[in-house]
């Protein structure tokens, strides 16, 4: 969830820069709509802005601001996909997410939506521009951001076990050991059954101290100061019991 909130903050910061250039954005739409001979119809979708930039944009300033708008919309679309994979949610979060997915769709009709207080993007337009041309397209991003922030607020109230980690699972400190195989029962014709064994570093140390050596000599375990574990020491010759007769 922290990664989601961080991504949302980054998009908001980019949008603030875009918002400061709203007049440049409207001018770019004016120029491209004129080049497309499309001055009568309002700007109704993200796909329409994409078409204007791809086919009717003649200068770098217009292309830069239109591309900035489209990139923010693309980032919001990707964030929607991450929200969808985070948890199954409830009726409230699912409704908010469906609204976000609908709004970021390239073909969705934006002409009827309007951002309300505290957003003032519509107030920066003339009455004709707001009502007939650009009221929907300038309202799109702030409305989606509000929806996503509301989704986060509701999601944080859900039970912890409903929320999955959006970051990759941390690798466990396990070491892949050779397969341990058990031979089948004698005379039954059963094949040996092999299963992979995972050994931690602590387990490997323990096994190395408890397994007897294979050359028949006894292992004397001696504590090693400062390490908190024992090490084996091989003694030459057979073991003799302690006592005065021991040589």
C-alpha atoms as a PDB file:
ATOM      1  CA  UNK A   1       0.000   0.000   0.000  1.00  0.00           C
ATOM      2  CA  UNK A   2       2.895   2.352   0.661  1.00  0.00           C
ATOM      3  CA  UNK A   3       4.093   1.874  -2.913  1.00  0.00           C
ATOM      4  CA  UNK A   4       0.621   2.705  -4.203  1.00  0.00           C
ATOM      5  CA  UNK A   5       0.529   5.923  -2.202  1.00  0.00           C
ATOM      6  CA  UNK A   6       4.005   6.852  -3.376  1.00  0.00           C
ATOM      7  CA  UNK A   7       3.029   6.324  -7.031  1.00  0.00           C
ATOM      8  CA  UNK A   8      -0.091   8.401  -6.496  1.00  0.00           C
ATOM      9  CA  UNK A   9       1.955  11.235  -4.979  1.00  0.00           C
ATOM     10  CA  UNK A  10       4.340  11.183  -7.944  1.00  0.00           C
ATOM     11  CA  UNK A  11       1.464  11.451 -10.414  1.00  0.00           C
ATOM     12  CA  UNK A  12      -0.014  14.315  -8.393  1.00  0.00           C
ATOM     13  CA  UNK A  13       3.301  16.185  -8.544  1.00  0.00           C
ATOM     14  CA  UNK A  14       3.434  15.783 -12.317  1.00  0.00           C
ATOM     15  CA  UNK A  15      -0.175  16.920 -12.606  1.00  0.00           C
ATOM     16  CA  UNK A  16       0.572  20.083 -10.620  1.00  0.00           C
ATOM     17  CA  UNK A  17       3.179  21.012 -13.219  1.00  0.00           C
ATOM     18  CA  UNK A  18       0.692  20.252 -15.997  1.00  0.00           C
ATOM     19  CA  UNK A  19      -2.032  22.262 -14.274  1.00  0.00           C
ATOM     20  CA  UNK A  20       0.193  25.346 -14.275  1.00  0.00           C
ATOM     21  CA  UNK A  21       0.265  25.076 -18.069  1.00  0.00           C
ATOM     22  CA  UNK A  22      -3.479  24.699 -18.643  1.00  0.00           C
ATOM     23  CA  UNK A  23      -3.614  27.686 -21.029  1.00  0.00           C
ATOM     24  CA  UNK A  24      -0.838  26.086 -23.113  1.00  0.00           C
ATOM     25  CA  UNK A  25      -2.841  22.855 -23.167  1.00  0.00           C
ATOM     26  CA  UNK A  26      -6.008  24.597 -24.329  1.00  0.00           C
ATOM     27  CA  UNK A  27      -4.051  26.497 -26.987  1.00  0.00           C
ATOM     28  CA  UNK A  28      -2.570  23.205 -28.244  1.00  0.00           C
ATOM     29  CA  UNK A  29      -6.046  21.696 -28.483  1.00  0.00           C
ATOM     30  CA  UNK A  30      -7.247  24.778 -30.338  1.00  0.00           C
ATOM     31  CA  UNK A  31      -4.415  24.523 -32.879  1.00  0.00           C
ATOM     32  CA  UNK A  32      -4.748  20.805 -33.487  1.00  0.00           C
ATOM     33  CA  UNK A  33      -8.549  20.914 -33.712  1.00  0.00           C
ATOM     34  CA  UNK A  34      -8.246  23.648 -36.303  1.00  0.00           C
ATOM     35  CA  UNK A  35      -5.741  21.600 -38.290  1.00  0.00           C
ATOM     36  CA  UNK A  36      -8.142  18.646 -38.073  1.00  0.00           C
ATOM     37  CA  UNK A  37     -11.107  20.833 -39.174  1.00  0.00           C
ATOM     38  CA  UNK A  38     -12.798  19.695 -35.988  1.00  0.00           C
ATOM     39  CA  UNK A  39     -13.635  22.989 -34.294  1.00  0.00           C
ATOM     40  CA  UNK A  40     -17.335  22.333 -33.756  1.00  0.00           C
ATOM     41  CA  UNK A  41     -17.256  19.111 -31.737  1.00  0.00           C
ATOM     42  CA  UNK A  42     -16.025  19.099 -28.128  1.00  0.00           C
ATOM     43  CA  UNK A  43     -12.983  17.120 -27.012  1.00  0.00           C
ATOM     44  CA  UNK A  44     -14.679  13.976 -25.752  1.00  0.00           C
ATOM     45  CA  UNK A  45     -12.001  11.331 -25.151  1.00  0.00           C
ATOM     46  CA  UNK A  46      -8.349  10.585 -24.456  1.00  0.00           C
ATOM     47  CA  UNK A  47      -8.201   8.836 -27.835  1.00  0.00           C
ATOM     48  CA  UNK A  48      -9.243  12.064 -29.531  1.00  0.00           C
ATOM     49  CA  UNK A  49      -6.350  13.948 -27.912  1.00  0.00           C
ATOM     50  CA  UNK A  50      -4.029  11.137 -29.021  1.00  0.00           C
ATOM     51  CA  UNK A  51      -5.244  11.519 -32.620  1.00  0.00           C
ATOM     52  CA  UNK A  52      -4.739  15.280 -32.520  1.00  0.00           C
ATOM     53  CA  UNK A  53      -1.144  14.850 -31.339  1.00  0.00           C
ATOM     54  CA  UNK A  54      -0.290  12.059 -33.781  1.00  0.00           C
ATOM     55  CA  UNK A  55      -1.783  13.554 -36.948  1.00  0.00           C
ATOM     56  CA  UNK A  56      -2.503  17.275 -36.532  1.00  0.00           C
ATOM     57  CA  UNK A  57       0.257  18.683 -34.299  1.00  0.00           C
ATOM     58  CA  UNK A  58       2.679  21.036 -36.097  1.00  0.00           C
ATOM     59  CA  UNK A  59       4.917  22.471 -33.370  1.00  0.00           C
ATOM     60  CA  UNK A  60       6.970  21.128 -30.489  1.00  0.00           C
ATOM     61  CA  UNK A  61       5.250  23.187 -27.788  1.00  0.00           C
ATOM     62  CA  UNK A  62       1.835  21.770 -28.617  1.00  0.00           C
ATOM     63  CA  UNK A  63       3.244  18.252 -28.884  1.00  0.00           C
ATOM     64  CA  UNK A  64       5.037  18.537 -25.542  1.00  0.00           C
ATOM     65  CA  UNK A  65       1.953  19.567 -23.560  1.00  0.00           C
ATOM     66  CA  UNK A  66      -0.354  17.073 -25.294  1.00  0.00           C
ATOM     67  CA  UNK A  67       2.172  14.311 -24.635  1.00  0.00           C
ATOM     68  CA  UNK A  68       2.359  15.335 -20.983  1.00  0.00           C
ATOM     69  CA  UNK A  69      -1.423  14.972 -20.684  1.00  0.00           C
ATOM     70  CA  UNK A  70      -1.356  11.557 -22.371  1.00  0.00           C
ATOM     71  CA  UNK A  71       1.529  10.339 -20.196  1.00  0.00           C
ATOM     72  CA  UNK A  72      -0.351  11.250 -17.008  1.00  0.00           C
ATOM     73  CA  UNK A  73      -3.389   9.361 -18.299  1.00  0.00           C
ATOM     74  CA  UNK A  74      -1.174   6.377 -19.100  1.00  0.00           C
ATOM     75  CA  UNK A  75       0.331   6.416 -15.582  1.00  0.00           C
ATOM     76  CA  UNK A  76      -3.175   6.518 -14.098  1.00  0.00           C
ATOM     77  CA  UNK A  77      -4.194   3.543 -16.234  1.00  0.00           C
ATOM     78  CA  UNK A  78      -1.195   1.523 -15.019  1.00  0.00           C
ATOM     79  CA  UNK A  79      -1.957   2.471 -11.429  1.00  0.00           C
ATOM     80  CA  UNK A  80      -5.532   1.228 -11.894  1.00  0.00           C
ATOM     81  CA  UNK A  81      -4.146  -2.163 -12.869  1.00  0.00           C
ATOM     82  CA  UNK A  82      -2.005  -2.225  -9.742  1.00  0.00           C
ATOM     83  CA  UNK A  83      -4.969  -1.319  -7.562  1.00  0.00           C
ATOM     84  CA  UNK A  84      -6.960  -4.145  -9.112  1.00  0.00           C
ATOM     85  CA  UNK A  85      -4.240  -6.694  -8.317  1.00  0.00           C
ATOM     86  CA  UNK A  86      -3.722  -5.508  -4.736  1.00  0.00           C
ATOM     87  CA  UNK A  87      -6.837  -7.012  -3.136  1.00  0.00           C
ATOM     88  CA  UNK A  88     -10.348  -8.210  -3.951  1.00  0.00           C
ATOM     89  CA  UNK A  89     -11.853  -5.280  -2.045  1.00  0.00           C
ATOM     90  CA  UNK A  90     -15.465  -4.675  -1.108  1.00  0.00           C
ATOM     91  CA  UNK A  91     -18.413  -3.008  -2.815  1.00  0.00           C
ATOM     92  CA  UNK A  92     -17.137   0.511  -2.066  1.00  0.00           C
ATOM     93  CA  UNK A  93     -13.563   0.024  -3.292  1.00  0.00           C
ATOM     94  CA  UNK A  94     -14.729  -1.967  -6.312  1.00  0.00           C
ATOM     95  CA  UNK A  95     -17.150   0.788  -7.343  1.00  0.00           C
ATOM     96  CA  UNK A  96     -14.402   3.399  -7.082  1.00  0.00           C
ATOM     97  CA  UNK A  97     -11.992   1.238  -9.050  1.00  0.00           C
ATOM     98  CA  UNK A  98     -14.525   0.607 -11.813  1.00  0.00           C
ATOM     99  CA  UNK A  99     -15.099   4.349 -12.081  1.00  0.00           C
ATOM    100  CA  UNK A 100     -11.348   4.949 -12.417  1.00  0.00           C
ATOM    101  CA  UNK A 101     -11.023   2.253 -15.090  1.00  0.00           C
ATOM    102  CA  UNK A 102     -13.906   3.733 -17.043  1.00  0.00           C
ATOM    103  CA  UNK A 103     -12.479   7.260 -16.886  1.00  0.00           C
ATOM    104  CA  UNK A 104      -8.997   6.264 -18.105  1.00  0.00           C
ATOM    105  CA  UNK A 105     -10.411   4.329 -21.046  1.00  0.00           C
ATOM    106  CA  UNK A 106      -9.339   5.904 -24.348  1.00  0.00           C
ATOM    107  CA  UNK A 107     -12.860   5.745 -25.754  1.00  0.00           C
ATOM    108  CA  UNK A 108     -14.800   6.957 -22.712  1.00  0.00           C
ATOM    109  CA  UNK A 109     -16.939  10.073 -23.318  1.00  0.00           C
ATOM    110  CA  UNK A 110     -15.620  12.902 -21.131  1.00  0.00           C
ATOM    111  CA  UNK A 111     -17.962  15.637 -22.341  1.00  0.00           C
ATOM    112  CA  UNK A 112     -20.351  15.443 -19.350  1.00  0.00           C
ATOM    113  CA  UNK A 113     -17.868  15.266 -16.442  1.00  0.00           C
ATOM    114  CA  UNK A 114     -16.912  18.384 -14.477  1.00  0.00           C
ATOM    115  CA  UNK A 115     -14.405  18.746 -11.653  1.00  0.00           C
ATOM    116  CA  UNK A 116     -15.921  20.523  -8.665  1.00  0.00           C
ATOM    117  CA  UNK A 117     -14.578  22.422  -5.680  1.00  0.00           C
ATOM    118  CA  UNK A 118     -11.800  22.526  -4.538  1.00  0.00           C
ATOM    119  CA  UNK A 119     -10.641  22.091  -8.152  1.00  0.00           C
ATOM    120  CA  UNK A 120     -10.747  25.277 -10.206  1.00  0.00           C
ATOM    121  CA  UNK A 121      -9.692  23.989 -13.637  1.00  0.00           C
ATOM    122  CA  UNK A 122     -13.107  24.670 -15.165  1.00  0.00           C
ATOM    123  CA  UNK A 123     -13.118  28.214 -13.752  1.00  0.00           C
ATOM    124  CA  UNK A 124     -10.034  29.015 -15.840  1.00  0.00           C
ATOM    125  CA  UNK A 125     -12.019  28.457 -19.034  1.00  0.00           C
ATOM    126  CA  UNK A 126     -14.444  30.826 -20.684  1.00  0.00           C
ATOM    127  CA  UNK A 127     -18.118  29.913 -20.470  1.00  0.00           C
ATOM    128  CA  UNK A 128     -18.127  28.692 -24.081  1.00  0.00           C
ATOM    129  CA  UNK A 129     -14.968  26.641 -23.626  1.00  0.00           C
ATOM    130  CA  UNK A 130     -16.207  25.104 -20.386  1.00  0.00           C
ATOM    131  CA  UNK A 131     -19.663  24.270 -21.677  1.00  0.00           C
ATOM    132  CA  UNK A 132     -19.006  23.263 -25.265  1.00  0.00           C
ATOM    133  CA  UNK A 133     -15.383  22.216 -25.741  1.00  0.00           C
ATOM    134  CA  UNK A 134     -12.907  21.561 -22.922  1.00  0.00           C
ATOM    135  CA  UNK A 135     -14.775  21.273 -19.609  1.00  0.00           C
ATOM    136  CA  UNK A 136     -14.566  17.469 -19.631  1.00  0.00           C
ATOM    137  CA  UNK A 137     -10.969  17.007 -20.737  1.00  0.00           C
ATOM    138  CA  UNK A 138      -9.556  19.419 -18.132  1.00  0.00           C
ATOM    139  CA  UNK A 139     -11.676  17.758 -15.415  1.00  0.00           C
ATOM    140  CA  UNK A 140     -10.536  14.221 -16.178  1.00  0.00           C
ATOM    141  CA  UNK A 141      -7.247  13.960 -14.252  1.00  0.00           C
ATOM    142  CA  UNK A 142      -8.363  15.674 -10.997  1.00  0.00           C
ATOM    143  CA  UNK A 143     -11.491  13.502 -10.848  1.00  0.00           C
ATOM    144  CA  UNK A 144      -9.458  10.303 -11.291  1.00  0.00           C
ATOM    145  CA  UNK A 145      -6.948  11.399  -8.652  1.00  0.00           C
ATOM    146  CA  UNK A 146      -9.778  12.070  -6.189  1.00  0.00           C
ATOM    147  CA  UNK A 147     -11.235   8.618  -6.913  1.00  0.00           C
ATOM    148  CA  UNK A 148      -7.916   6.897  -6.329  1.00  0.00           C
ATOM    149  CA  UNK A 149      -7.251   8.726  -3.063  1.00  0.00           C
ATOM    150  CA  UNK A 150     -10.700   7.728  -1.878  1.00  0.00           C
ATOM    151  CA  UNK A 151      -9.960   4.124  -2.896  1.00  0.00           C
ATOM    152  CA  UNK A 152      -6.756   4.178  -0.808  1.00  0.00           C
ATOM    153  CA  UNK A 153      -8.591   5.638   2.199  1.00  0.00           C
ATOM    154  CA  UNK A 154     -11.240   2.878   2.098  1.00  0.00           C
ATOM    155  CA  UNK A 155      -8.665   0.140   1.422  1.00  0.00           C
ATOM    156  CA  UNK A 156      -6.677   1.036   4.518  1.00  0.00           C
ATOM    157  CA  UNK A 157      -9.744   0.229   6.613  1.00  0.00           C
ATOM    158  CA  UNK A 158      -9.998  -3.312   5.222  1.00  0.00           C
ATOM    159  CA  UNK A 159      -8.782  -6.297   7.282  1.00  0.00           C
ATOM    160  CA  UNK A 160      -5.041  -6.783   6.939  1.00  0.00           C
ATOM    161  CA  UNK A 161      -5.391 -10.296   5.553  1.00  0.00           C
ATOM    162  CA  UNK A 162      -7.289  -8.972   2.513  1.00  0.00           C
ATOM    163  CA  UNK A 163      -4.375  -6.846   1.348  1.00  0.00           C
ATOM    164  CA  UNK A 164      -1.616  -8.467  -0.633  1.00  0.00           C
ATOM    165  CA  UNK A 165       1.891  -7.076  -0.854  1.00  0.00           C
ATOM    166  CA  UNK A 166       2.465  -5.163  -4.078  1.00  0.00           C
ATOM    167  CA  UNK A 167       6.191  -5.618  -3.738  1.00  0.00           C
ATOM    168  CA  UNK A 168       7.843  -8.924  -4.612  1.00  0.00           C
ATOM    169  CA  UNK A 169       8.025 -11.525  -1.896  1.00  0.00           C
ATOM    170  CA  UNK A 170      11.357 -11.521  -0.124  1.00  0.00           C
ATOM    171  CA  UNK A 171      13.491 -14.519  -0.814  1.00  0.00           C
ATOM    172  CA  UNK A 172      13.674 -16.898   2.130  1.00  0.00           C
ATOM    173  CA  UNK A 173      17.169 -17.692   3.497  1.00  0.00           C
ATOM    174  CA  UNK A 174      16.962 -21.300   2.433  1.00  0.00           C
ATOM    175  CA  UNK A 175      19.715 -23.211   0.723  1.00  0.00           C
ATOM    176  CA  UNK A 176      18.944 -25.811  -1.877  1.00  0.00           C
ATOM    177  CA  UNK A 177      20.521 -29.095  -0.824  1.00  0.00           C
ATOM    178  CA  UNK A 178      20.869 -32.312  -2.703  1.00  0.00           C
ATOM    179  CA  UNK A 179      17.808 -34.500  -2.869  1.00  0.00           C
ATOM    180  CA  UNK A 180      17.406 -36.932  -0.010  1.00  0.00           C
ATOM    181  CA  UNK A 181      16.385 -40.304  -1.289  1.00  0.00           C
ATOM    182  CA  UNK A 182      14.943 -43.198   0.586  1.00  0.00           C
ATOM    183  CA  UNK A 183      15.383 -46.622  -0.997  1.00  0.00           C
ATOM    184  CA  UNK A 184      12.239 -48.661  -1.496  1.00  0.00           C
ATOM    185  CA  UNK A 185      11.433 -51.547   0.802  1.00  0.00           C
ATOM    186  CA  UNK A 186      13.443 -54.634   0.081  1.00  0.00           C
ATOM    187  CA  UNK A 187      11.655 -57.107  -2.125  1.00  0.00           C
ATOM    188  CA  UNK A 188       8.727 -54.810  -2.841  1.00  0.00           C
ATOM    189  CA  UNK A 189      10.058 -53.492  -6.090  1.00  0.00           C
ATOM    190  CA  UNK A 190       9.295 -49.924  -5.022  1.00  0.00           C
ATOM    191  CA  UNK A 191      11.537 -47.261  -6.481  1.00  0.00           C
ATOM    192  CA  UNK A 192      13.464 -44.981  -4.248  1.00  0.00           C
ATOM    193  CA  UNK A 193      11.456 -41.940  -3.209  1.00  0.00           C
ATOM    194  CA  UNK A 194      13.322 -38.673  -3.537  1.00  0.00           C
ATOM    195  CA  UNK A 195      12.187 -35.386  -2.116  1.00  0.00           C
ATOM    196  CA  UNK A 196      14.019 -32.073  -2.203  1.00  0.00           C
ATOM    197  CA  UNK A 197      15.356 -30.929   1.138  1.00  0.00           C
ATOM    198  CA  UNK A 198      15.702 -27.282   2.134  1.00  0.00           C
ATOM    199  CA  UNK A 199      18.365 -26.631   4.726  1.00  0.00           C
ATOM    200  CA  UNK A 200      18.982 -23.412   6.518  1.00  0.00           C
ATOM    201  CA  UNK A 201      22.488 -22.411   7.536  1.00  0.00           C
ATOM    202  CA  UNK A 202      21.712 -23.302  11.175  1.00  0.00           C
ATOM    203  CA  UNK A 203      20.447 -26.751  10.178  1.00  0.00           C
ATOM    204  CA  UNK A 204      23.562 -27.434   8.138  1.00  0.00           C
ATOM    205  CA  UNK A 205      25.778 -26.553  11.113  1.00  0.00           C
ATOM    206  CA  UNK A 206      23.751 -28.839  13.381  1.00  0.00           C
ATOM    207  CA  UNK A 207      23.954 -31.743  10.947  1.00  0.00           C
ATOM    208  CA  UNK A 208      27.679 -31.371  10.509  1.00  0.00           C
ATOM    209  CA  UNK A 209      28.130 -31.732  14.285  1.00  0.00           C
ATOM    210  CA  UNK A 210      25.773 -34.648  14.893  1.00  0.00           C
ATOM    211  CA  UNK A 211      26.626 -36.944  11.965  1.00  0.00           C
ATOM    212  CA  UNK A 212      29.495 -39.336  12.882  1.00  0.00           C
ATOM    213  CA  UNK A 213      32.549 -39.505  10.627  1.00  0.00           C
ATOM    214  CA  UNK A 214      32.693 -42.415   8.225  1.00  0.00           C
ATOM    215  CA  UNK A 215      36.240 -43.575   9.034  1.00  0.00           C
ATOM    216  CA  UNK A 216      35.304 -45.110  12.404  1.00  0.00           C
ATOM    217  CA  UNK A 217      37.071 -42.529  14.522  1.00  0.00           C
ATOM    218  CA  UNK A 218      35.223 -40.746  17.296  1.00  0.00           C
ATOM    219  CA  UNK A 219      34.498 -37.041  17.165  1.00  0.00           C
ATOM    220  CA  UNK A 220      35.224 -35.089  20.316  1.00  0.00           C
ATOM    221  CA  UNK A 221      33.169 -31.908  20.470  1.00  0.00           C
ATOM    222  CA  UNK A 222      34.876 -28.959  21.968  1.00  0.00           C
ATOM    223  CA  UNK A 223      33.245 -25.581  22.652  1.00  0.00           C
ATOM    224  CA  UNK A 224      34.826 -22.719  20.727  1.00  0.00           C
ATOM    225  CA  UNK A 225      34.895 -19.462  22.658  1.00  0.00           C
ATOM    226  CA  UNK A 226      32.984 -16.586  21.149  1.00  0.00           C
ATOM    227  CA  UNK A 227      31.202 -18.530  18.418  1.00  0.00           C
ATOM    228  CA  UNK A 228      28.367 -20.104  20.464  1.00  0.00           C
ATOM    229  CA  UNK A 229      28.660 -23.428  18.695  1.00  0.00           C
ATOM    230  CA  UNK A 230      30.744 -26.617  18.887  1.00  0.00           C
ATOM    231  CA  UNK A 231      33.204 -27.985  16.447  1.00  0.00           C
ATOM    232  CA  UNK A 232      34.370 -31.540  16.027  1.00  0.00           C
ATOM    233  CA  UNK A 233      37.893 -32.712  16.423  1.00  0.00           C
ATOM    234  CA  UNK A 234      39.087 -36.023  15.116  1.00  0.00           C
ATOM    235  CA  UNK A 235      41.295 -37.995  17.522  1.00  0.00           C
ATOM    236  CA  UNK A 236      43.843 -40.500  16.346  1.00  0.00           C
ATOM    237  CA  UNK A 237      43.566 -44.001  17.686  1.00  0.00           C
ATOM    238  CA  UNK A 238      40.694 -45.843  19.412  1.00  0.00           C
ATOM    239  CA  UNK A 239      38.795 -44.277  22.289  1.00  0.00           C
ATOM    240  CA  UNK A 240      39.737 -45.317  25.842  1.00  0.00           C
ATOM    241  CA  UNK A 241      37.684 -44.785  29.004  1.00  0.00           C
ATOM    242  CA  UNK A 242      39.094 -42.314  31.546  1.00  0.00           C
ATOM    243  CA  UNK A 243      40.785 -43.668  34.683  1.00  0.00           C
ATOM    244  CA  UNK A 244      44.124 -44.339  36.155  1.00  0.00           C
ATOM    245  CA  UNK A 245      44.685 -47.348  33.905  1.00  0.00           C
ATOM    246  CA  UNK A 246      44.128 -45.299  30.805  1.00  0.00           C
ATOM    247  CA  UNK A 247      47.298 -44.719  28.787  1.00  0.00           C
END
